[in-house]
């Protein structure tokens, strides 16, 4: 519990870095911005791993003990109770 606030703050940064990486549209061989962002993202992940903070898995069925549903949707070819999209990752 002593590290909870610290980890929560890092998770917010980690989420923002991931969003920025997903939005990176610079062509290959650009100014290195994307590469730098990836390095910082990897460094933050390492800090969290060393402090036993792990991402909650979202492959498979929805589990209310670990997941929070903010919406439901019908998706062709996906059975009821399966996770179709992650809006914000969860961590333990």
N, C-alpha and C. Protein backbone atom coordinates (compact mmCIF):
# COMPACT_ATOMS: atom_id res chain seq x y z
N UNK A 1 0.82 -1.20 0.00
CA UNK A 1 0.00 0.00 0.00
C UNK A 1 0.86 1.27 0.00
N UNK A 2 2.10 1.15 0.51
CA UNK A 2 2.97 2.32 0.57
C UNK A 2 3.29 2.87 -0.81
N UNK A 3 3.33 2.01 -1.81
CA UNK A 3 3.68 2.43 -3.17
C UNK A 3 2.46 2.68 -4.05
N UNK A 4 1.27 2.57 -3.52
CA UNK A 4 0.07 2.67 -4.33
C UNK A 4 -0.03 4.01 -5.06
N UNK A 5 0.17 5.11 -4.36
CA UNK A 5 0.09 6.43 -4.99
C UNK A 5 1.16 6.57 -6.08
N UNK A 6 2.36 6.14 -5.77
CA UNK A 6 3.47 6.20 -6.73
C UNK A 6 3.13 5.40 -7.99
N UNK A 7 2.66 4.19 -7.80
CA UNK A 7 2.33 3.32 -8.93
C UNK A 7 1.18 3.91 -9.74
N UNK A 8 0.18 4.47 -9.08
CA UNK A 8 -0.96 5.05 -9.78
C UNK A 8 -0.51 6.21 -10.66
N UNK A 9 0.38 7.04 -10.15
CA UNK A 9 0.89 8.15 -10.94
C UNK A 9 1.68 7.66 -12.15
N UNK A 10 2.50 6.63 -11.95
CA UNK A 10 3.26 6.07 -13.06
C UNK A 10 2.34 5.46 -14.11
N UNK A 11 1.26 4.84 -13.67
CA UNK A 11 0.33 4.20 -14.61
C UNK A 11 -0.31 5.23 -15.53
N UNK A 12 -0.60 6.39 -14.99
CA UNK A 12 -1.17 7.46 -15.82
C UNK A 12 -0.18 7.86 -16.91
N UNK A 13 1.09 7.99 -16.55
CA UNK A 13 2.13 8.33 -17.53
C UNK A 13 2.26 7.21 -18.56
N UNK A 14 2.26 5.97 -18.09
CA UNK A 14 2.38 4.82 -18.97
C UNK A 14 1.24 4.81 -19.99
N UNK A 15 0.01 5.05 -19.54
CA UNK A 15 -1.14 5.08 -20.45
C UNK A 15 -0.97 6.17 -21.50
N UNK A 16 -0.52 7.36 -21.08
CA UNK A 16 -0.34 8.46 -22.03
C UNK A 16 0.76 8.17 -23.03
N UNK A 17 1.85 7.56 -22.58
CA UNK A 17 2.90 7.18 -23.51
C UNK A 17 2.37 6.19 -24.54
N UNK A 18 1.59 5.24 -24.09
CA UNK A 18 1.07 4.24 -25.03
C UNK A 18 0.14 4.89 -26.05
N UNK A 19 -0.69 5.83 -25.60
CA UNK A 19 -1.57 6.53 -26.54
C UNK A 19 -0.76 7.31 -27.57
N UNK A 20 0.32 7.95 -27.11
CA UNK A 20 1.17 8.71 -28.02
C UNK A 20 1.84 7.79 -29.03
N UNK A 21 2.29 6.63 -28.56
CA UNK A 21 2.92 5.67 -29.48
C UNK A 21 1.91 5.18 -30.51
N UNK A 22 0.68 4.95 -30.09
CA UNK A 22 -0.35 4.50 -31.03
C UNK A 22 -0.66 5.56 -32.07
N UNK A 23 -0.48 6.84 -31.71
CA UNK A 23 -0.80 7.94 -32.62
C UNK A 23 0.40 8.35 -33.46
N UNK A 24 1.57 7.78 -33.20
CA UNK A 24 2.78 8.15 -33.93
C UNK A 24 2.64 7.77 -35.40
N UNK A 25 2.64 8.76 -36.26
CA UNK A 25 2.48 8.50 -37.69
C UNK A 25 3.70 8.93 -38.48
N UNK A 26 4.81 9.22 -37.78
CA UNK A 26 6.03 9.64 -38.47
C UNK A 26 6.54 8.50 -39.34
N UNK A 27 7.05 8.83 -40.52
CA UNK A 27 7.58 7.77 -41.40
C UNK A 27 8.82 7.14 -40.79
N UNK A 28 9.10 5.93 -41.19
CA UNK A 28 10.30 5.24 -40.70
C UNK A 28 11.53 6.06 -41.06
N UNK A 29 12.49 6.09 -40.14
CA UNK A 29 13.70 6.87 -40.37
C UNK A 29 13.49 8.35 -40.11
N UNK A 30 12.44 8.70 -39.36
CA UNK A 30 12.14 10.09 -39.04
C UNK A 30 13.12 10.64 -38.02
N UNK A 31 12.64 11.53 -37.16
CA UNK A 31 13.52 12.23 -36.23
C UNK A 31 13.82 11.42 -34.96
N UNK A 32 13.37 10.21 -34.87
CA UNK A 32 13.65 9.39 -33.70
C UNK A 32 12.68 9.60 -32.56
N UNK A 33 11.68 10.44 -32.73
CA UNK A 33 10.71 10.69 -31.67
C UNK A 33 10.03 9.41 -31.23
N UNK A 34 9.57 8.62 -32.18
CA UNK A 34 8.90 7.37 -31.86
C UNK A 34 9.81 6.40 -31.13
N UNK A 35 11.08 6.32 -31.57
CA UNK A 35 12.05 5.45 -30.90
C UNK A 35 12.28 5.89 -29.45
N UNK A 36 12.39 7.20 -29.25
CA UNK A 36 12.58 7.73 -27.89
C UNK A 36 11.38 7.43 -27.01
N UNK A 37 10.21 7.59 -27.56
CA UNK A 37 8.99 7.31 -26.79
C UNK A 37 8.95 5.83 -26.41
N UNK A 38 9.33 4.95 -27.32
CA UNK A 38 9.34 3.52 -27.03
C UNK A 38 10.31 3.19 -25.90
N UNK A 39 11.48 3.84 -25.91
CA UNK A 39 12.46 3.61 -24.85
C UNK A 39 11.93 4.04 -23.48
N UNK A 40 11.29 5.21 -23.42
CA UNK A 40 10.73 5.68 -22.16
C UNK A 40 9.60 4.77 -21.70
N UNK A 41 8.78 4.34 -22.64
CA UNK A 41 7.68 3.43 -22.32
C UNK A 41 8.23 2.14 -21.73
N UNK A 42 9.26 1.59 -22.35
CA UNK A 42 9.88 0.36 -21.87
C UNK A 42 10.49 0.56 -20.47
N UNK A 43 11.09 1.72 -20.24
CA UNK A 43 11.67 2.02 -18.93
C UNK A 43 10.59 2.07 -17.85
N UNK A 44 9.48 2.72 -18.15
CA UNK A 44 8.37 2.77 -17.19
C UNK A 44 7.82 1.38 -16.91
N UNK A 45 7.69 0.57 -17.94
CA UNK A 45 7.23 -0.80 -17.75
C UNK A 45 8.17 -1.56 -16.82
N UNK A 46 9.47 -1.37 -16.99
CA UNK A 46 10.46 -2.03 -16.14
C UNK A 46 10.32 -1.64 -14.69
N UNK A 47 10.10 -0.35 -14.43
CA UNK A 47 9.91 0.13 -13.05
C UNK A 47 8.71 -0.57 -12.42
N UNK A 48 7.62 -0.64 -13.16
CA UNK A 48 6.41 -1.26 -12.64
C UNK A 48 6.61 -2.75 -12.40
N UNK A 49 7.27 -3.43 -13.33
CA UNK A 49 7.52 -4.87 -13.17
C UNK A 49 8.36 -5.14 -11.93
N UNK A 50 9.39 -4.32 -11.71
CA UNK A 50 10.25 -4.52 -10.53
C UNK A 50 9.49 -4.28 -9.23
N UNK A 51 8.40 -3.54 -9.31
CA UNK A 51 7.58 -3.27 -8.13
C UNK A 51 6.32 -4.12 -8.10
N UNK A 52 6.34 -5.21 -8.87
CA UNK A 52 5.25 -6.20 -8.90
C UNK A 52 3.90 -5.61 -9.32
N UNK A 53 3.93 -4.66 -10.25
CA UNK A 53 2.70 -4.12 -10.82
C UNK A 53 2.54 -4.77 -12.18
N UNK A 54 1.44 -5.48 -12.38
CA UNK A 54 1.23 -6.22 -13.62
C UNK A 54 -0.09 -5.83 -14.27
N UNK A 55 -0.09 -5.84 -15.59
CA UNK A 55 -1.30 -5.54 -16.35
C UNK A 55 -2.31 -6.67 -16.18
N UNK A 56 -3.59 -6.33 -16.03
CA UNK A 56 -4.65 -7.33 -15.94
C UNK A 56 -4.91 -7.84 -17.36
N UNK A 57 -4.88 -9.14 -17.50
CA UNK A 57 -5.12 -9.76 -18.82
C UNK A 57 -6.57 -9.53 -19.24
N UNK A 58 -6.75 -9.26 -20.52
CA UNK A 58 -8.10 -9.02 -21.03
C UNK A 58 -8.47 -9.96 -22.16
N UNK A 59 -7.66 -11.00 -22.36
CA UNK A 59 -8.03 -11.97 -23.39
C UNK A 59 -8.96 -13.00 -22.76
N UNK A 60 -10.07 -13.20 -23.38
CA UNK A 60 -11.02 -14.17 -22.84
C UNK A 60 -12.27 -13.51 -22.29
N UNK A 61 -12.87 -14.19 -21.33
CA UNK A 61 -14.16 -13.78 -20.80
C UNK A 61 -14.03 -12.63 -19.81
N UNK A 62 -15.07 -11.83 -19.73
CA UNK A 62 -15.16 -10.75 -18.76
C UNK A 62 -15.23 -11.35 -17.36
N UNK A 63 -14.41 -10.86 -16.45
CA UNK A 63 -14.40 -11.32 -15.06
C UNK A 63 -14.60 -10.10 -14.16
N UNK A 64 -15.76 -9.97 -13.51
CA UNK A 64 -16.04 -8.78 -12.70
C UNK A 64 -15.09 -8.61 -11.51
N UNK A 65 -14.31 -9.64 -11.17
CA UNK A 65 -13.33 -9.49 -10.10
C UNK A 65 -12.13 -8.65 -10.56
N UNK A 66 -11.90 -8.61 -11.87
CA UNK A 66 -10.75 -7.90 -12.40
C UNK A 66 -11.08 -6.80 -13.40
N UNK A 67 -12.25 -6.87 -14.02
CA UNK A 67 -12.61 -5.95 -15.10
C UNK A 67 -13.78 -5.06 -14.70
N UNK A 68 -13.81 -3.86 -15.25
CA UNK A 68 -14.93 -2.94 -15.09
C UNK A 68 -15.52 -2.71 -16.47
N UNK A 69 -16.81 -2.98 -16.62
CA UNK A 69 -17.47 -2.75 -17.90
C UNK A 69 -18.02 -1.33 -17.92
N UNK A 70 -17.73 -0.59 -18.98
CA UNK A 70 -18.28 0.75 -19.11
C UNK A 70 -19.32 0.81 -20.23
N UNK A 71 -19.38 -0.26 -21.02
CA UNK A 71 -20.38 -0.34 -22.08
C UNK A 71 -20.45 -1.78 -22.59
N UNK A 72 -21.52 -2.07 -23.27
CA UNK A 72 -21.65 -3.36 -23.95
C UNK A 72 -21.91 -3.08 -25.42
N UNK A 73 -21.55 -4.05 -26.24
CA UNK A 73 -21.80 -3.92 -27.67
C UNK A 73 -21.96 -5.31 -28.27
N UNK A 74 -22.74 -5.36 -29.31
CA UNK A 74 -22.87 -6.61 -30.05
C UNK A 74 -21.80 -6.62 -31.13
N UNK A 75 -21.05 -7.69 -31.19
CA UNK A 75 -20.00 -7.81 -32.20
C UNK A 75 -20.19 -9.13 -32.93
N UNK A 76 -20.21 -9.05 -34.24
CA UNK A 76 -20.42 -10.24 -35.06
C UNK A 76 -19.27 -11.23 -34.83
N UNK A 77 -19.63 -12.47 -34.56
CA UNK A 77 -18.65 -13.52 -34.36
C UNK A 77 -18.07 -13.59 -32.96
N UNK A 78 -18.58 -12.75 -32.04
CA UNK A 78 -18.09 -12.76 -30.66
C UNK A 78 -19.24 -13.12 -29.75
N UNK A 79 -19.02 -14.15 -28.93
CA UNK A 79 -20.09 -14.58 -28.03
C UNK A 79 -20.24 -13.62 -26.85
N UNK A 80 -21.40 -13.65 -26.24
CA UNK A 80 -21.70 -12.79 -25.09
C UNK A 80 -20.73 -13.08 -23.94
N UNK A 81 -20.35 -12.03 -23.23
CA UNK A 81 -19.48 -12.19 -22.08
C UNK A 81 -17.99 -12.10 -22.41
N UNK A 82 -17.65 -11.85 -23.66
CA UNK A 82 -16.25 -11.71 -24.08
C UNK A 82 -15.89 -10.23 -24.17
N UNK A 83 -14.65 -9.93 -23.90
CA UNK A 83 -14.16 -8.55 -23.99
C UNK A 83 -13.85 -8.27 -25.46
N UNK A 84 -14.43 -7.19 -25.99
CA UNK A 84 -14.21 -6.85 -27.39
C UNK A 84 -13.27 -5.66 -27.56
N UNK A 85 -13.18 -4.82 -26.52
CA UNK A 85 -12.34 -3.62 -26.63
C UNK A 85 -11.92 -3.18 -25.23
N UNK A 86 -10.70 -2.71 -25.10
CA UNK A 86 -10.19 -2.19 -23.83
C UNK A 86 -10.08 -0.67 -23.96
N UNK A 87 -10.81 0.05 -23.12
CA UNK A 87 -10.76 1.51 -23.15
C UNK A 87 -9.66 2.04 -22.26
N UNK A 88 -9.41 1.39 -21.14
CA UNK A 88 -8.31 1.74 -20.25
C UNK A 88 -7.85 0.46 -19.57
N UNK A 89 -6.55 0.22 -19.60
CA UNK A 89 -6.00 -1.00 -19.01
C UNK A 89 -6.12 -0.96 -17.50
N UNK A 90 -6.18 -2.15 -16.93
CA UNK A 90 -6.17 -2.28 -15.48
C UNK A 90 -4.89 -2.96 -15.02
N UNK A 91 -4.50 -2.72 -13.79
CA UNK A 91 -3.26 -3.28 -13.25
C UNK A 91 -3.48 -3.80 -11.84
N UNK A 92 -2.68 -4.80 -11.45
CA UNK A 92 -2.71 -5.32 -10.09
C UNK A 92 -1.38 -5.02 -9.43
